[in-house]
């Protein structure tokens, strides 16, 4: 749980987490708007204002148990130009936005190391950037798990609904129960199944980002 963290780390972590969640939800809304659904716009959700996106219960859950959520951006699939295909794009927008943020965070580290190493040497700056990168990679991977109500459930479920609607329906019905069970198991036993999934994938994604940046910055290193 976040409340057990060092207060100094908590002060750094919370703004990084809030920004990451707000961008994630905004990405869902703006892509839905682009493909014809203005529901998020009408509800005032096409903004990065945290007050529009943070959910009180979801925020408390983050603090007390380490898992939580923001308010899902409202989307009406029937307003989309091509509901079955476009809803997949809308669902994917959130995790993709987090991957972009994590890459940008790593890019900032490379730039600072090159032009302002004294700034990067500041412990708080370096800690914020590292937490920001890690949070966004974790958010992307977690939300891409093919389980409802996560974005991955929306993506996977809608991809297979055309070919196996019964299985897609079962995913919608049992997915939330499975996800809750896995989370509760981790809290009770101290063995995080989700962590076993997230950590190696996270390390792999970061290694890819670093390889790309090493190529880009090679002439300057």
Foldseek 3Di string as FASTA:
>chain_A
DQQPDDPLLSVLQVVLLLQLQLLLQLQLQVLLVVQFWCQLVVQVSNDSPSVSWADVVQVVCCRPQVGGHTDHRDHDLVRGPHSLVSLLVSLLRNLVSLLVQLLVLVVVLVVCVQPPVVQCPPPSSVSSSVSSNLSSLLLSVVLLPCAPPRSVVSNVLSVCCVPCVVVSVVRHVCRVVVVVVQSVCCRVVVDRPSCVVRVVVSVVSVVVSVVVVCVVCVVRD
